[in-house]
Amino acid sequence: MSLEARIRELAERHKRLDAAIAAELKHPAGDEVRIHELKRKKLRIKDEITQLQTGPA
């Protein structure tokens, strides 16, 4: 898989997590643990995208 393809895949997963978080927040009794876990996954993906875009440190 090329670097660009990996970044696109991660960006798509990031968008899906964002949508899942928004959907969970719309529920009056949203599951805070689930929201927190989704946000952590989203942040890990964002970090990986940033690392791939900037190259090795």
PDB file of N, CA and C in Angstrom:
ATOM      1  N   MET A   1       0.855  -1.176   0.000  1.00  0.00           N
ATOM      2  CA  MET A   1       0.000   0.000   0.000  1.00  0.00           C
ATOM      3  C   MET A   1       0.898   1.234   0.000  1.00  0.00           C
ATOM      4  N   SER A   2       0.587   2.173  -0.866  1.00  0.00           N
ATOM      5  CA  SER A   2       1.390   3.382  -0.940  1.00  0.00           C
ATOM      6  C   SER A   2       1.111   4.275   0.269  1.00  0.00           C
ATOM      7  N   LEU A   3       2.009   5.184   0.501  1.00  0.00           N
ATOM      8  CA  LEU A   3       1.873   6.121   1.616  1.00  0.00           C
ATOM      9  C   LEU A   3       0.595   6.953   1.464  1.00  0.00           C
ATOM     10  N   GLU A   4       0.346   7.420   0.250  1.00  0.00           N
ATOM     11  CA  GLU A   4      -0.855   8.232   0.007  1.00  0.00           C
ATOM     12  C   GLU A   4      -2.125   7.432   0.270  1.00  0.00           C
ATOM     13  N   ALA A   5      -2.138   6.189  -0.149  1.00  0.00           N
ATOM     14  CA  ALA A   5      -3.307   5.331   0.070  1.00  0.00           C
ATOM     15  C   ALA A   5      -3.523   5.100   1.561  1.00  0.00           C
ATOM     16  N   ARG A   6      -2.455   4.886   2.293  1.00  0.00           N
ATOM     17  CA  ARG A   6      -2.568   4.683   3.751  1.00  0.00           C
ATOM     18  C   ARG A   6      -3.127   5.933   4.425  1.00  0.00           C
ATOM     19  N   ILE A   7      -2.644   7.093   4.007  1.00  0.00           N
ATOM     20  CA  ILE A   7      -3.134   8.344   4.591  1.00  0.00           C
ATOM     21  C   ILE A   7      -4.613   8.533   4.263  1.00  0.00           C
ATOM     22  N   ARG A   8      -5.017   8.227   3.023  1.00  0.00           N
ATOM     23  CA  ARG A   8      -6.436   8.337   2.647  1.00  0.00           C
ATOM     24  C   ARG A   8      -7.294   7.389   3.472  1.00  0.00           C
ATOM     25  N   GLU A   9      -6.813   6.164   3.672  1.00  0.00           N
ATOM     26  CA  GLU A   9      -7.554   5.190   4.470  1.00  0.00           C
ATOM     27  C   GLU A   9      -7.718   5.681   5.910  1.00  0.00           C
ATOM     28  N   LEU A  10      -6.649   6.195   6.476  1.00  0.00           N
ATOM     29  CA  LEU A  10      -6.712   6.704   7.844  1.00  0.00           C
ATOM     30  C   LEU A  10      -7.638   7.919   7.929  1.00  0.00           C
ATOM     31  N   ALA A  11      -7.588   8.784   6.933  1.00  0.00           N
ATOM     32  CA  ALA A  11      -8.458   9.962   6.931  1.00  0.00           C
ATOM     33  C   ALA A  11      -9.926   9.540   6.881  1.00  0.00           C
ATOM     34  N   GLU A  12     -10.230   8.509   6.117  1.00  0.00           N
ATOM     35  CA  GLU A  12     -11.609   8.014   6.034  1.00  0.00           C
ATOM     36  C   GLU A  12     -12.050   7.428   7.383  1.00  0.00           C
ATOM     37  N   ARG A  13     -11.180   6.673   8.017  1.00  0.00           N
ATOM     38  CA  ARG A  13     -11.501   6.124   9.347  1.00  0.00           C
ATOM     39  C   ARG A  13     -11.716   7.265  10.345  1.00  0.00           C
ATOM     40  N   HIS A  14     -10.900   8.315  10.246  1.00  0.00           N
ATOM     41  CA  HIS A  14     -11.014   9.480  11.115  1.00  0.00           C
ATOM     42  C   HIS A  14     -12.391  10.127  10.942  1.00  0.00           C
ATOM     43  N   LYS A  15     -12.852  10.271   9.690  1.00  0.00           N
ATOM     44  CA  LYS A  15     -14.173  10.849   9.416  1.00  0.00           C
ATOM     45  C   LYS A  15     -15.289   9.981   9.983  1.00  0.00           C
ATOM     46  N   ARG A  16     -15.148   8.659   9.826  1.00  0.00           N
ATOM     47  CA  ARG A  16     -16.186   7.755  10.351  1.00  0.00           C
ATOM     48  C   ARG A  16     -16.265   7.839  11.876  1.00  0.00           C
ATOM     49  N   LEU A  17     -15.111   7.941  12.524  1.00  0.00           N
ATOM     50  CA  LEU A  17     -15.112   8.077  13.983  1.00  0.00           C
ATOM     51  C   LEU A  17     -15.751   9.399  14.394  1.00  0.00           C
ATOM     52  N   ASP A  18     -15.468  10.461  13.655  1.00  0.00           N
ATOM     53  CA  ASP A  18     -16.068  11.759  13.933  1.00  0.00           C
ATOM     54  C   ASP A  18     -17.589  11.666  13.844  1.00  0.00           C
ATOM     55  N   ALA A  19     -18.088  10.987  12.827  1.00  0.00           N
ATOM     56  CA  ALA A  19     -19.538  10.802  12.661  1.00  0.00           C
ATOM     57  C   ALA A  19     -20.111   9.966  13.806  1.00  0.00           C
ATOM     58  N   ALA A  20     -19.395   8.937  14.215  1.00  0.00           N
ATOM     59  CA  ALA A  20     -19.867   8.085  15.314  1.00  0.00           C
ATOM     60  C   ALA A  20     -19.925   8.869  16.623  1.00  0.00           C
ATOM     61  N   ILE A  21     -18.935   9.726  16.845  1.00  0.00           N
ATOM     62  CA  ILE A  21     -18.930  10.560  18.056  1.00  0.00           C
ATOM     63  C   ILE A  21     -20.114  11.515  18.023  1.00  0.00           C
ATOM     64  N   ALA A  22     -20.336  12.161  16.882  1.00  0.00           N
ATOM     65  CA  ALA A  22     -21.457  13.098  16.751  1.00  0.00           C
ATOM     66  C   ALA A  22     -22.787  12.387  16.986  1.00  0.00           C
ATOM     67  N   ALA A  23     -22.936  11.197  16.443  1.00  0.00           N
ATOM     68  CA  ALA A  23     -24.171  10.437  16.633  1.00  0.00           C
ATOM     69  C   ALA A  23     -24.368  10.076  18.098  1.00  0.00           C
ATOM     70  N   GLU A  24     -23.297   9.686  18.753  1.00  0.00           N
ATOM     71  CA  GLU A  24     -23.390   9.306  20.173  1.00  0.00           C
ATOM     72  C   GLU A  24     -23.743  10.525  21.028  1.00  0.00           C
ATOM     73  N   LEU A  25     -23.202  11.688  20.674  1.00  0.00           N
ATOM     74  CA  LEU A  25     -23.477  12.899  21.451  1.00  0.00           C
ATOM     75  C   LEU A  25     -24.918  13.378  21.281  1.00  0.00           C
ATOM     76  N   LYS A  26     -25.591  12.986  20.202  1.00  0.00           N
ATOM     77  CA  LYS A  26     -26.979  13.392  19.977  1.00  0.00           C
ATOM     78  C   LYS A  26     -27.942  12.681  20.915  1.00  0.00           C
ATOM     79  N   HIS A  27     -27.545  11.525  21.414  1.00  0.00           N
ATOM     80  CA  HIS A  27     -28.418  10.782  22.321  1.00  0.00           C
ATOM     81  C   HIS A  27     -28.394  11.438  23.699  1.00  0.00           C
ATOM     82  N   PRO A  28     -29.569  11.620  24.280  1.00  0.00           N
ATOM     83  CA  PRO A  28     -29.622  12.258  25.604  1.00  0.00           C
ATOM     84  C   PRO A  28     -28.815  11.490  26.657  1.00  0.00           C
ATOM     85  N   ALA A  29     -28.807  10.189  26.548  1.00  0.00           N
ATOM     86  CA  ALA A  29     -28.070   9.371  27.510  1.00  0.00           C
ATOM     87  C   ALA A  29     -26.851   8.759  26.821  1.00  0.00           C
ATOM     88  N   GLY A  30     -26.062   9.601  26.168  1.00  0.00           N
ATOM     89  CA  GLY A  30     -24.880   9.113  25.463  1.00  0.00           C
ATOM     90  C   GLY A  30     -23.932   8.393  26.402  1.00  0.00           C
ATOM     91  N   ASP A  31     -23.309   7.366  25.910  1.00  0.00           N
ATOM     92  CA  ASP A  31     -22.382   6.554  26.695  1.00  0.00           C
ATOM     93  C   ASP A  31     -21.026   7.264  26.743  1.00  0.00           C
ATOM     94  N   GLU A  32     -20.721   7.858  27.883  1.00  0.00           N
ATOM     95  CA  GLU A  32     -19.486   8.638  28.028  1.00  0.00           C
ATOM     96  C   GLU A  32     -18.226   7.788  27.826  1.00  0.00           C
ATOM     97  N   VAL A  33     -18.267   6.555  28.258  1.00  0.00           N
ATOM     98  CA  VAL A  33     -17.116   5.669  28.090  1.00  0.00           C
ATOM     99  C   VAL A  33     -16.887   5.399  26.608  1.00  0.00           C
ATOM    100  N   ARG A  34     -17.961   5.129  25.883  1.00  0.00           N
ATOM    101  CA  ARG A  34     -17.850   4.897  24.436  1.00  0.00           C
ATOM    102  C   ARG A  34     -17.345   6.148  23.725  1.00  0.00           C
ATOM    103  N   ILE A  35     -17.875   7.307  24.083  1.00  0.00           N
ATOM    104  CA  ILE A  35     -17.437   8.562  23.469  1.00  0.00           C
ATOM    105  C   ILE A  35     -15.949   8.776  23.717  1.00  0.00           C
ATOM    106  N   HIS A  36     -15.513   8.542  24.927  1.00  0.00           N
ATOM    107  CA  HIS A  36     -14.100   8.710  25.275  1.00  0.00           C
ATOM    108  C   HIS A  36     -13.222   7.761  24.454  1.00  0.00           C
ATOM    109  N   GLU A  37     -13.655   6.524  24.314  1.00  0.00           N
ATOM    110  CA  GLU A  37     -12.885   5.544  23.537  1.00  0.00           C
ATOM    111  C   GLU A  37     -12.823   5.946  22.061  1.00  0.00           C
ATOM    112  N   LEU A  38     -13.936   6.401  21.516  1.00  0.00           N
ATOM    113  CA  LEU A  38     -13.961   6.845  20.120  1.00  0.00           C
ATOM    114  C   LEU A  38     -13.018   8.034  19.919  1.00  0.00           C
ATOM    115  N   LYS A  39     -13.024   8.950  20.865  1.00  0.00           N
ATOM    116  CA  LYS A  39     -12.141  10.116  20.762  1.00  0.00           C
ATOM    117  C   LYS A  39     -10.674   9.708  20.837  1.00  0.00           C
ATOM    118  N   ARG A  40     -10.358   8.722  21.683  1.00  0.00           N
ATOM    119  CA  ARG A  40      -8.971   8.245  21.758  1.00  0.00           C
ATOM    120  C   ARG A  40      -8.543   7.605  20.451  1.00  0.00           C
ATOM    121  N   LYS A  41      -9.423   6.804  19.854  1.00  0.00           N
ATOM    122  CA  LYS A  41      -9.101   6.177  18.570  1.00  0.00           C
ATOM    123  C   LYS A  41      -8.881   7.241  17.504  1.00  0.00           C
ATOM    124  N   LYS A  42      -9.752   8.252  17.501  1.00  0.00           N
ATOM    125  CA  LYS A  42      -9.645   9.334  16.526  1.00  0.00           C
ATOM    126  C   LYS A  42      -8.308  10.066  16.683  1.00  0.00           C
ATOM    127  N   LEU A  43      -7.914  10.323  17.905  1.00  0.00           N
ATOM    128  CA  LEU A  43      -6.647  11.005  18.157  1.00  0.00           C
ATOM    129  C   LEU A  43      -5.457  10.156  17.717  1.00  0.00           C
ATOM    130  N   ARG A  44      -5.508   8.842  17.971  1.00  0.00           N
ATOM    131  CA  ARG A  44      -4.416   7.964  17.522  1.00  0.00           C
ATOM    132  C   ARG A  44      -4.285   7.985  16.010  1.00  0.00           C
ATOM    133  N   ILE A  45      -5.429   7.981  15.325  1.00  0.00           N
ATOM    134  CA  ILE A  45      -5.399   8.030  13.862  1.00  0.00           C
ATOM    135  C   ILE A  45      -4.823   9.358  13.393  1.00  0.00           C
ATOM    136  N   LYS A  46      -5.244  10.450  14.021  1.00  0.00           N
ATOM    137  CA  LYS A  46      -4.715  11.767  13.649  1.00  0.00           C
ATOM    138  C   LYS A  46      -3.207  11.813  13.852  1.00  0.00           C
ATOM    139  N   ASP A  47      -2.733  11.273  14.959  1.00  0.00           N
ATOM    140  CA  ASP A  47      -1.295  11.233  15.223  1.00  0.00           C
ATOM    141  C   ASP A  47      -0.557  10.422  14.162  1.00  0.00           C
ATOM    142  N   GLU A  48      -1.144   9.290  13.758  1.00  0.00           N
ATOM    143  CA  GLU A  48      -0.505   8.456  12.738  1.00  0.00           C
ATOM    144  C   GLU A  48      -0.462   9.185  11.399  1.00  0.00           C
ATOM    145  N   ILE A  49      -1.551   9.872  11.043  1.00  0.00           N
ATOM    146  CA  ILE A  49      -1.576  10.638   9.792  1.00  0.00           C
ATOM    147  C   ILE A  49      -0.483  11.701   9.819  1.00  0.00           C
ATOM    148  N   THR A  50      -0.389  12.424  10.922  1.00  0.00           N
ATOM    149  CA  THR A  50       0.618  13.483  11.050  1.00  0.00           C
ATOM    150  C   THR A  50       2.017  12.909  10.927  1.00  0.00           C
ATOM    151  N   GLN A  51       2.254  11.782  11.566  1.00  0.00           N
ATOM    152  CA  GLN A  51       3.569  11.143  11.506  1.00  0.00           C
ATOM    153  C   GLN A  51       3.907  10.717  10.069  1.00  0.00           C
ATOM    154  N   LEU A  52       2.935  10.167   9.377  1.00  0.00           N
ATOM    155  CA  LEU A  52       3.169   9.743   7.996  1.00  0.00           C
ATOM    156  C   LEU A  52       3.432  10.935   7.079  1.00  0.00           C
ATOM    157  N   GLN A  53       2.740  12.034   7.326  1.00  0.00           N
ATOM    158  CA  GLN A  53       2.897  13.221   6.480  1.00  0.00           C
ATOM    159  C   GLN A  53       4.219  13.929   6.729  1.00  0.00           C
ATOM    160  N   THR A  54       4.722  13.885   7.950  1.00  0.00           N
ATOM    161  CA  THR A  54       5.947  14.600   8.273  1.00  0.00           C
ATOM    162  C   THR A  54       7.185  13.728   8.115  1.00  0.00           C
ATOM    163  N   GLY A  55       7.003  12.441   8.049  1.00  0.00           N
ATOM    164  CA  GLY A  55       8.141  11.549   7.919  1.00  0.00           C
ATOM    165  C   GLY A  55       8.773  11.236   9.261  1.00  0.00           C
ATOM    166  N   PRO A  56       9.850  10.437   9.263  1.00  0.00           N
ATOM    167  CA  PRO A  56      10.493  10.057  10.514  1.00  0.00           C
ATOM    168  C   PRO A  56      11.110  11.260  11.225  1.00  0.00           C
ATOM    169  N   ALA A  57      11.044  11.203  12.526  1.00  0.00           N
ATOM    170  CA  ALA A  57      11.588  12.310  13.323  1.00  0.00           C
ATOM    171  C   ALA A  57      13.085  12.286  13.401  1.00  0.00           C
TER     172      ALA A  57
END
